[in-house]
């Protein structure tokens, strides 16, 4: 049993406080709003959420849940504080930090008075960096001591939806805790001992971005379905049926497939089919900004790679992987072909290694594409990876071909791994890829 103060009695705070109390913890809800505090003290929820009134009433009656406006008193009686105040958008779209800064500062001032060990857990949604660069220094200044031995700051993003919040609390997709170490994360995981879900400990920046990535993905799914539905009407197709069938594909569509950060897509299908849909929408005067942004976004990844190559200052480049993915010689609309073409146009000394590509075997539209974009491909390709390593100051890893070369420790120049987060490293190759 943990003694917990939950700061902010809105939707997230009330649900968290009530569920924590139900699961056996002693919980004090803290809010500056007298009406919210009064509602909880009288056994009512200050917000409407199915099942929450009954849950709060039962926990108040069991004396596991109470509420106060006094932050110092709440901190003094607890060992952990969950911060669940709102972080709304400012007019320019940035995060409004005023409320959460006030709460963290009030916790710090209380700790300055009491001197007790304490863990502060941010449940509020914050962009990566705001906890580390704003809240951590604020808490340290107010508490009069550094984070570390007996003062900890973690984040624990919530995945609750209004109208199903209690069920979501009890059945989360996972429990994520961002903390400096496993030891700091463990007390937070203990809060959810009765919940069966995967526990994931990571750093605070990653934990923060997981929440934003989930919400952005949910919004993306809604807009994608809506745009496909709009196009379906123009085609005379059944949009509901289209998406029902799309969602039955659990191998690629509703799965982890393609959801790994890396380089741009290419090949003979994806670019042309996206292009065709967008062009149809334009002719039909249908606004599809999401579909219309796919190819420009894809191009932006290529431009970022080019910028990073330029920033290295290297002029002799070895490209590993030319086809749009490993295991094929299909070069049509491969982003690596466009990358190579652009580098050559900018005067780079380029060599390419891809054992699956043989110019003598290229035929049809595949050959025609190469003749337009890389007419001198035969002179650029090398059969021996040692020749590539001997040539290059910068090695650009584009596909899974790199994994099969076993080059660890044999190249000490710059490495740009397009299969990951476009991070340039100096030294050994590391396994990875796609």
Protein backbone atom coordinates (compact mmCIF):
# COMPACT_ATOMS: atom_id res chain seq x y z
CA UNK A 1 0.00 0.00 0.00
CA UNK A 2 1.37 3.38 -1.07
CA UNK A 3 0.33 6.77 0.26
CA UNK A 4 -0.25 8.98 -2.76
CA UNK A 5 -1.22 12.57 -3.45
CA UNK A 6 -2.89 13.12 -6.82
CA UNK A 7 -2.61 16.73 -7.99
CA UNK A 8 -5.38 17.87 -10.32
CA UNK A 9 -8.94 16.60 -9.95
CA UNK A 10 -9.93 16.63 -13.61
CA UNK A 11 -10.77 13.55 -15.67
CA UNK A 12 -7.36 11.91 -15.43
CA UNK A 13 -6.75 12.86 -11.82
CA UNK A 14 -10.16 11.75 -10.54
CA UNK A 15 -10.07 8.42 -12.35
CA UNK A 16 -6.49 7.77 -11.25
CA UNK A 17 -7.21 8.71 -7.64
CA UNK A 18 -10.37 6.62 -7.41
CA UNK A 19 -8.83 3.55 -9.07
CA UNK A 20 -5.69 3.75 -6.95
CA UNK A 21 -7.82 3.93 -3.81
CA UNK A 22 -9.94 1.00 -4.98
CA UNK A 23 -6.73 -1.01 -5.44
CA UNK A 24 -5.80 -0.51 -1.79
CA UNK A 25 -3.68 2.65 -1.77
CA UNK A 26 -4.30 5.67 0.46
CA UNK A 27 -5.01 8.63 -1.79
CA UNK A 28 -5.36 12.36 -1.23
CA UNK A 29 -6.73 14.37 -4.13
CA UNK A 30 -5.33 17.89 -4.35
CA UNK A 31 -6.87 20.78 -6.27
CA UNK A 32 -7.10 24.56 -5.92
CA UNK A 33 -10.79 24.43 -6.88
CA UNK A 34 -12.94 24.42 -3.74
CA UNK A 35 -15.92 22.92 -5.57
CA UNK A 36 -13.90 19.94 -6.83
CA UNK A 37 -12.46 19.26 -3.39
CA UNK A 38 -15.90 19.56 -1.81
CA UNK A 39 -17.41 17.16 -4.33
CA UNK A 40 -14.87 14.46 -3.55
CA UNK A 41 -15.14 14.98 0.19
CA UNK A 42 -18.89 14.41 -0.12
CA UNK A 43 -18.40 11.27 -2.20
CA UNK A 44 -19.18 12.70 -5.63
CA UNK A 45 -17.14 13.03 -8.78
CA UNK A 46 -16.50 16.61 -9.91
CA UNK A 47 -16.45 15.37 -13.53
CA UNK A 48 -18.87 13.14 -15.39
CA UNK A 49 -17.46 9.75 -16.26
CA UNK A 50 -19.49 6.53 -16.30
CA UNK A 51 -19.02 4.61 -13.04
CA UNK A 52 -16.86 7.26 -11.39
CA UNK A 53 -19.47 8.60 -8.95
CA UNK A 54 -20.02 5.14 -7.51
CA UNK A 55 -16.31 4.44 -7.34
CA UNK A 56 -15.50 7.69 -5.54
CA UNK A 57 -18.43 7.26 -3.16
CA UNK A 58 -17.21 3.82 -2.16
CA UNK A 59 -13.59 4.87 -1.65
CA UNK A 60 -14.48 7.94 0.39
CA UNK A 61 -16.75 5.79 2.56
CA UNK A 62 -13.90 3.30 3.00
CA UNK A 63 -11.64 6.21 4.03
CA UNK A 64 -9.10 5.39 1.35
CA UNK A 65 -9.80 8.60 -0.60
CA UNK A 66 -10.04 12.18 0.57
CA UNK A 67 -9.32 15.61 -0.91
CA UNK A 68 -7.75 18.91 0.08
CA UNK A 69 -6.58 22.27 -1.21
CA UNK A 70 -3.50 22.14 1.05
CA UNK A 71 -0.52 20.87 -0.96
CA UNK A 72 1.86 20.94 2.01
CA UNK A 73 -0.47 18.79 4.11
CA UNK A 74 -0.98 16.36 1.23
CA UNK A 75 2.76 15.99 0.63
CA UNK A 76 3.48 15.58 4.34
CA UNK A 77 1.07 12.64 4.53
CA UNK A 78 2.26 10.84 1.39
CA UNK A 79 5.36 9.34 -0.21
CA UNK A 80 4.50 9.91 -3.85
CA UNK A 81 2.78 12.65 -5.82
CA UNK A 82 1.04 12.07 -9.15
CA UNK A 83 0.64 15.23 -11.21
CA UNK A 84 -2.41 15.11 -13.47
CA UNK A 85 -3.19 18.75 -14.23
CA UNK A 86 -4.09 19.87 -17.73
CA UNK A 87 -1.52 20.92 -20.32
CA UNK A 88 -3.71 22.65 -22.91
CA UNK A 89 -2.58 24.28 -26.14
CA UNK A 90 -1.55 27.91 -26.32
CA UNK A 91 -2.72 30.01 -29.25
CA UNK A 92 0.44 29.08 -31.18
CA UNK A 93 -0.02 25.35 -30.51
CA UNK A 94 2.71 25.03 -27.88
CA UNK A 95 2.08 23.45 -24.48
CA UNK A 96 0.71 25.68 -21.72
CA UNK A 97 2.92 24.93 -18.74
CA UNK A 98 1.59 27.38 -16.16
CA UNK A 99 -0.58 24.94 -14.20
CA UNK A 100 1.91 22.09 -14.07
CA UNK A 101 4.73 24.46 -13.13
CA UNK A 102 2.64 25.80 -10.23
CA UNK A 103 1.93 22.29 -9.00
CA UNK A 104 5.54 21.09 -9.24
CA UNK A 105 6.74 24.23 -7.50
CA UNK A 106 4.17 23.76 -4.73
CA UNK A 107 5.31 20.17 -4.23
CA UNK A 108 8.92 21.36 -4.09
CA UNK A 109 8.12 24.06 -1.53
CA UNK A 110 6.29 21.51 0.59
CA UNK A 111 9.29 19.19 0.43
CA UNK A 112 11.56 22.06 1.43
CA UNK A 113 9.50 22.37 4.61
CA UNK A 114 9.24 18.66 5.36
CA UNK A 115 12.61 17.39 4.10
CA UNK A 116 11.08 13.98 3.44
CA UNK A 117 11.98 11.52 0.65
CA UNK A 118 9.53 11.81 -2.23
CA UNK A 119 8.80 10.68 -5.76
CA UNK A 120 7.01 13.01 -8.17
CA UNK A 121 5.30 11.28 -11.09
CA UNK A 122 4.07 13.27 -14.07
CA UNK A 123 0.85 11.83 -15.52
CA UNK A 124 0.15 15.00 -17.51
CA UNK A 125 0.97 14.97 -21.22
CA UNK A 126 4.21 16.86 -21.87
CA UNK A 127 6.49 17.07 -24.88
CA UNK A 128 9.90 15.40 -24.51
CA UNK A 129 12.36 17.76 -22.86
CA UNK A 130 9.88 19.78 -20.83
CA UNK A 131 10.23 17.53 -17.79
CA UNK A 132 14.02 17.47 -18.00
CA UNK A 133 14.63 21.11 -18.91
CA UNK A 134 11.80 22.88 -17.06
CA UNK A 135 10.20 20.78 -14.34
CA UNK A 136 13.34 19.10 -12.97
CA UNK A 137 15.23 22.37 -12.29
CA UNK A 138 12.03 23.92 -10.92
CA UNK A 139 11.51 21.04 -8.49
CA UNK A 140 15.15 21.09 -7.39
CA UNK A 141 15.11 24.85 -6.73
CA UNK A 142 11.84 24.73 -4.80
CA UNK A 143 12.84 21.65 -2.76
CA UNK A 144 16.32 23.01 -2.07
CA UNK A 145 18.02 19.74 -3.03
CA UNK A 146 19.02 17.89 -6.18
CA UNK A 147 17.23 14.98 -7.75
CA UNK A 148 18.86 11.70 -6.84
CA UNK A 149 19.10 9.88 -3.56
CA UNK A 150 15.77 10.74 -1.94
CA UNK A 151 14.03 12.95 -4.51
CA UNK A 152 12.91 11.45 -7.80
CA UNK A 153 11.04 12.75 -10.84
CA UNK A 154 9.46 10.26 -13.25
CA UNK A 155 6.75 10.28 -15.87
CA UNK A 156 3.95 7.77 -16.30
CA UNK A 157 1.78 8.74 -19.28
CA UNK A 158 -1.88 7.76 -19.11
CA UNK A 159 -3.89 6.12 -21.88
CA UNK A 160 -7.42 6.91 -20.72
CA UNK A 161 -10.34 7.85 -22.94
CA UNK A 162 -13.33 9.77 -21.67
CA UNK A 163 -16.46 7.57 -21.32
CA UNK A 164 -14.30 4.42 -20.95
CA UNK A 165 -11.67 5.76 -18.56
CA UNK A 166 -12.14 3.25 -15.73
CA UNK A 167 -12.02 0.31 -18.12
CA UNK A 168 -8.97 1.84 -19.83
CA UNK A 169 -7.26 2.23 -16.46
CA UNK A 170 -7.86 -1.44 -15.67
CA UNK A 171 -6.92 -2.72 -19.14
CA UNK A 172 -4.15 -0.51 -20.53
CA UNK A 173 -2.15 -1.55 -23.60
CA UNK A 174 0.95 -1.28 -21.40
CA UNK A 175 2.25 0.64 -18.40
CA UNK A 176 5.10 2.98 -19.31
CA UNK A 177 7.34 4.61 -16.73
CA UNK A 178 10.08 7.04 -17.68
CA UNK A 179 12.80 7.18 -15.05
CA UNK A 180 16.56 7.46 -14.69
CA UNK A 181 16.82 3.86 -13.56
CA UNK A 182 14.86 0.68 -12.90
CA UNK A 183 15.02 1.32 -9.16
CA UNK A 184 13.29 4.68 -9.57
CA UNK A 185 10.63 3.16 -11.84
CA UNK A 186 9.78 0.20 -9.61
CA UNK A 187 7.71 2.10 -6.98
CA UNK A 188 5.57 3.49 -9.80
CA UNK A 189 5.02 0.04 -11.27
CA UNK A 190 4.00 -1.13 -7.79
CA UNK A 191 1.01 1.22 -7.94
CA UNK A 192 -0.42 -1.01 -10.65
CA UNK A 193 0.36 -4.39 -9.10
CA UNK A 194 -3.23 -5.60 -9.59
CA UNK A 195 -3.29 -4.67 -13.29
CA UNK A 196 -2.24 -7.24 -15.86
CA UNK A 197 -0.32 -5.37 -18.52
CA UNK A 198 3.19 -5.21 -19.91
CA UNK A 199 5.47 -2.98 -17.85
CA UNK A 200 7.90 -0.89 -19.85
CA UNK A 201 10.69 1.12 -18.24
CA UNK A 202 12.42 3.64 -20.47
CA UNK A 203 13.93 7.12 -20.30
CA UNK A 204 11.65 10.09 -19.64
CA UNK A 205 11.94 11.60 -23.12
CA UNK A 206 10.95 8.35 -24.80
CA UNK A 207 8.05 7.83 -22.38
CA UNK A 208 6.77 11.33 -23.12
CA UNK A 209 6.92 10.82 -26.87
CA UNK A 210 5.14 7.47 -26.66
CA UNK A 211 2.03 9.30 -25.47
CA UNK A 212 2.18 11.84 -28.30
CA UNK A 213 2.91 9.12 -30.85
CA UNK A 214 -0.15 7.16 -29.71
CA UNK A 215 -2.46 10.16 -29.88
CA UNK A 216 -1.08 11.30 -33.23
CA UNK A 217 -1.50 7.77 -34.60
CA UNK A 218 -5.10 7.64 -33.41
CA UNK A 219 -5.83 10.98 -35.07
CA UNK A 220 -4.05 9.79 -38.21
CA UNK A 221 -6.20 6.65 -38.35
CA UNK A 222 -9.41 8.65 -38.08
CA UNK A 223 -8.43 11.08 -40.82
CA UNK A 224 -7.15 8.27 -43.06
CA UNK A 225 -10.44 6.38 -42.77
CA UNK A 226 -12.39 9.57 -43.43
CA UNK A 227 -10.38 10.41 -46.56
CA UNK A 228 -10.73 6.86 -47.90
CA UNK A 229 -14.45 7.04 -47.15
CA UNK A 230 -14.75 10.30 -49.07
CA UNK A 231 -12.86 8.85 -52.03
CA UNK A 232 -15.02 5.74 -51.90
CA UNK A 233 -18.13 7.83 -52.43
CA UNK A 234 -16.58 9.45 -55.50
CA UNK A 235 -15.59 6.03 -56.86
CA UNK A 236 -19.03 4.58 -56.19
CA UNK A 237 -17.51 2.17 -53.66
CA UNK A 238 -18.65 1.34 -50.13
CA UNK A 239 -16.23 3.14 -47.80
CA UNK A 240 -17.37 1.27 -44.69
CA UNK A 241 -16.84 -2.06 -46.43
CA UNK A 242 -13.46 -0.97 -47.80
CA UNK A 243 -12.14 -0.19 -44.33
CA UNK A 244 -13.67 -3.34 -42.83
CA UNK A 245 -11.72 -5.41 -45.34
CA UNK A 246 -8.55 -3.33 -44.88
CA UNK A 247 -8.69 -3.96 -41.14
CA UNK A 248 -8.91 -7.72 -41.64
CA UNK A 249 -5.29 -7.74 -42.77
CA UNK A 250 -3.43 -8.42 -39.54
CA UNK A 251 -0.13 -9.08 -41.30
CA UNK A 252 0.52 -5.62 -42.72
CA UNK A 253 -2.37 -3.23 -42.05
CA UNK A 254 -3.22 -3.81 -38.38
CA UNK A 255 0.23 -4.83 -37.18
CA UNK A 256 3.70 -3.52 -36.42
CA UNK A 257 4.65 -3.79 -40.10
CA UNK A 258 6.13 -0.57 -41.54
CA UNK A 259 6.03 1.11 -38.12
CA UNK A 260 9.77 1.38 -37.56
CA UNK A 261 11.56 4.70 -38.09
CA UNK A 262 13.94 4.60 -41.00
CA UNK A 263 14.37 5.86 -44.55
CA UNK A 264 11.94 6.75 -47.31
CA UNK A 265 9.76 4.17 -49.06
CA UNK A 266 9.94 3.36 -52.75
CA UNK A 267 9.35 0.58 -55.23
CA UNK A 268 6.97 0.00 -58.08
CA UNK A 269 3.73 0.10 -56.05
CA UNK A 270 3.51 2.51 -53.12
CA UNK A 271 4.59 5.75 -54.84
CA UNK A 272 2.51 5.24 -57.99
CA UNK A 273 -0.63 4.16 -56.13
CA UNK A 274 -0.52 7.06 -53.69
CA UNK A 275 0.08 9.37 -56.66
CA UNK A 276 -2.94 7.92 -58.48
CA UNK A 277 -5.27 8.38 -55.51
CA UNK A 278 -4.15 11.95 -54.96
CA UNK A 279 -4.55 12.80 -58.64
CA UNK A 280 -8.04 11.30 -58.72
CA UNK A 281 -8.99 13.36 -55.67
CA UNK A 282 -7.72 16.53 -57.31
CA UNK A 283 -9.73 15.88 -60.47
CA UNK A 284 -12.82 15.14 -58.41
CA UNK A 285 -12.27 18.34 -56.37
CA UNK A 286 -11.97 16.28 -53.19
CA UNK A 287 -9.69 17.64 -50.48
CA UNK A 288 -7.43 14.86 -49.16
CA UNK A 289 -4.66 16.70 -47.31
CA UNK A 290 -3.49 13.58 -45.46
CA UNK A 291 -3.04 11.45 -48.58
CA UNK A 292 -1.62 14.48 -50.37
CA UNK A 293 1.08 14.87 -47.73
CA UNK A 294 2.44 11.31 -48.01
CA UNK A 295 4.79 11.77 -50.96
CA UNK A 296 6.08 15.20 -49.81
CA UNK A 297 6.75 13.67 -46.39
CA UNK A 298 8.59 10.81 -48.05
CA UNK A 299 10.70 13.26 -50.04
CA UNK A 300 11.52 15.13 -46.82
CA UNK A 301 13.25 12.02 -45.45
CA UNK A 302 15.42 11.93 -48.55
CA UNK A 303 16.29 15.60 -48.18
CA UNK A 304 17.22 15.09 -44.52
CA UNK A 305 19.57 12.28 -45.51
CA UNK A 306 21.20 14.48 -48.12
CA UNK A 307 21.61 17.26 -45.56
CA UNK A 308 23.28 14.90 -43.10
CA UNK A 309 25.65 13.63 -45.77
CA UNK A 310 26.58 17.20 -46.60
CA UNK A 311 27.13 18.03 -42.92
CA UNK A 312 29.75 15.28 -42.56
CA UNK A 313 32.00 17.07 -45.03
CA UNK A 314 32.89 13.71 -46.61
CA UNK A 315 33.11 13.55 -50.40
CA UNK A 316 33.87 9.85 -50.97
CA UNK A 317 30.68 7.95 -50.23
CA UNK A 318 29.94 4.23 -50.16
CA UNK A 319 26.25 3.37 -50.52
CA UNK A 320 25.18 -0.06 -49.22
CA UNK A 321 21.90 -1.09 -50.84
CA UNK A 322 20.46 0.38 -54.04
CA UNK A 323 17.17 -1.44 -54.60
CA UNK A 324 14.16 -0.19 -52.65
CA UNK A 325 14.61 -3.10 -50.21
CA UNK A 326 17.05 -5.95 -49.71
CA UNK A 327 16.49 -9.15 -51.65
CA UNK A 328 15.29 -7.65 -54.93
CA UNK A 329 16.84 -5.93 -57.92
CA UNK A 330 13.80 -3.68 -58.43
CA UNK A 331 15.17 -0.14 -58.67
CA UNK A 332 11.96 1.58 -59.74
CA UNK A 333 11.38 4.66 -57.59
CA UNK A 334 13.93 3.41 -55.08
CA UNK A 335 14.86 6.32 -52.80
CA UNK A 336 18.43 5.04 -52.89
CA UNK A 337 18.52 5.59 -56.66
CA UNK A 338 17.35 9.18 -56.21
CA UNK A 339 19.87 9.61 -53.39
CA UNK A 340 22.68 8.31 -55.60
CA UNK A 341 21.57 10.44 -58.55
CA UNK A 342 21.53 13.56 -56.38
CA UNK A 343 24.93 12.86 -54.85
CA UNK A 344 26.48 12.38 -58.27
CA UNK A 345 24.88 15.60 -59.45
CA UNK A 346 26.48 17.40 -56.52
CA UNK A 347 29.93 16.09 -57.31
CA UNK A 348 30.32 13.30 -54.77
CA UNK A 349 32.64 10.38 -55.52
CA UNK A 350 30.20 7.48 -55.15
CA UNK A 351 30.53 3.72 -55.08
CA UNK A 352 27.58 1.35 -54.56
CA UNK A 353 27.40 -2.17 -53.15
CA UNK A 354 24.26 -4.25 -53.68
CA UNK A 355 24.86 -7.92 -54.57
CA UNK A 356 21.27 -8.30 -55.75
CA UNK A 357 21.66 -5.73 -58.51
CA UNK A 358 23.33 -6.75 -61.77
CA UNK A 359 23.09 -4.35 -64.67
CA UNK A 360 23.17 -7.23 -67.15
CA UNK A 361 19.96 -8.64 -65.64
CA UNK A 362 17.93 -5.42 -65.60
CA UNK A 363 15.09 -5.45 -68.12
CA UNK A 364 11.92 -3.59 -69.07
CA UNK A 365 10.75 -0.67 -66.96
CA UNK A 366 13.40 -1.47 -64.36
CA UNK A 367 16.15 -0.93 -66.93
CA UNK A 368 14.40 2.12 -68.36
CA UNK A 369 14.23 3.73 -64.91
CA UNK A 370 17.96 3.19 -64.33
CA UNK A 371 18.84 4.51 -67.79
CA UNK A 372 17.12 7.79 -66.91
CA UNK A 373 18.40 8.22 -63.35
CA UNK A 374 21.73 6.33 -63.19
CA UNK A 375 22.86 5.74 -66.78
CA UNK A 376 26.40 4.88 -65.64
CA UNK A 377 25.35 2.46 -62.91
CA UNK A 378 27.75 -0.27 -64.05
CA UNK A 379 30.72 1.99 -63.31
CA UNK A 380 29.40 2.75 -59.81
CA UNK A 381 28.68 -0.80 -58.64
CA UNK A 382 31.37 -2.79 -56.84
CA UNK A 383 31.26 -6.56 -56.32
CA UNK A 384 33.69 -6.66 -53.42
CA UNK A 385 32.68 -4.91 -50.18
CA UNK A 386 36.37 -4.42 -49.41
CA UNK A 387 36.58 -2.14 -52.43
CA UNK A 388 33.69 -0.11 -51.05
CA UNK A 389 35.34 0.22 -47.63
CA UNK A 390 38.64 1.20 -49.16
CA UNK A 391 36.95 3.91 -51.18
CA UNK A 392 34.61 5.49 -48.66
CA UNK A 393 35.06 8.21 -46.09
CA UNK A 394 31.33 7.93 -45.38
CA UNK A 395 29.37 4.69 -45.46
CA UNK A 396 25.61 5.06 -46.04
CA UNK A 397 23.62 2.01 -44.93
CA UNK A 398 20.34 1.93 -46.82
CA UNK A 399 18.95 -1.62 -46.63
CA UNK A 400 19.41 -4.94 -44.85
CA UNK A 401 22.25 -5.77 -47.25
CA UNK A 402 24.52 -4.16 -44.65
CA UNK A 403 23.66 -6.79 -42.03
CA UNK A 404 24.95 -9.64 -44.15
CA UNK A 405 28.37 -8.11 -44.76
CA UNK A 406 29.78 -8.75 -41.25
CA UNK A 407 31.80 -5.56 -41.37
CA UNK A 408 31.98 -4.89 -37.64
CA UNK A 409 35.30 -3.33 -36.71
CA UNK A 410 36.50 -3.08 -40.30
CA UNK A 411 35.36 0.47 -41.08
CA UNK A 412 36.41 3.42 -38.97
CA UNK A 413 35.00 6.27 -41.03
CA UNK A 414 31.65 8.00 -40.72
CA UNK A 415 28.48 5.89 -40.85
CA UNK A 416 25.01 7.14 -41.75
CA UNK A 417 22.44 4.44 -41.06
CA UNK A 418 19.28 5.32 -42.98
CA UNK A 419 17.49 2.32 -41.49
CA UNK A 420 17.48 3.93 -38.09
CA UNK A 421 17.06 7.55 -37.10
CA UNK A 422 19.50 8.99 -39.63
CA UNK A 423 22.21 9.15 -36.98
CA UNK A 424 25.80 9.60 -38.10
CA UNK A 425 28.29 7.60 -36.05
CA UNK A 426 32.04 7.19 -36.22
CA UNK A 427 33.49 3.73 -35.78
CA UNK A 428 32.21 0.20 -36.04
CA UNK A 429 29.15 -0.95 -37.89
CA UNK A 430 26.34 -2.19 -35.68
CA UNK A 431 23.67 -4.76 -36.55
CA UNK A 432 20.14 -3.53 -37.29
CA UNK A 433 18.33 -2.82 -40.42
CA UNK A 434 15.44 -3.45 -42.69
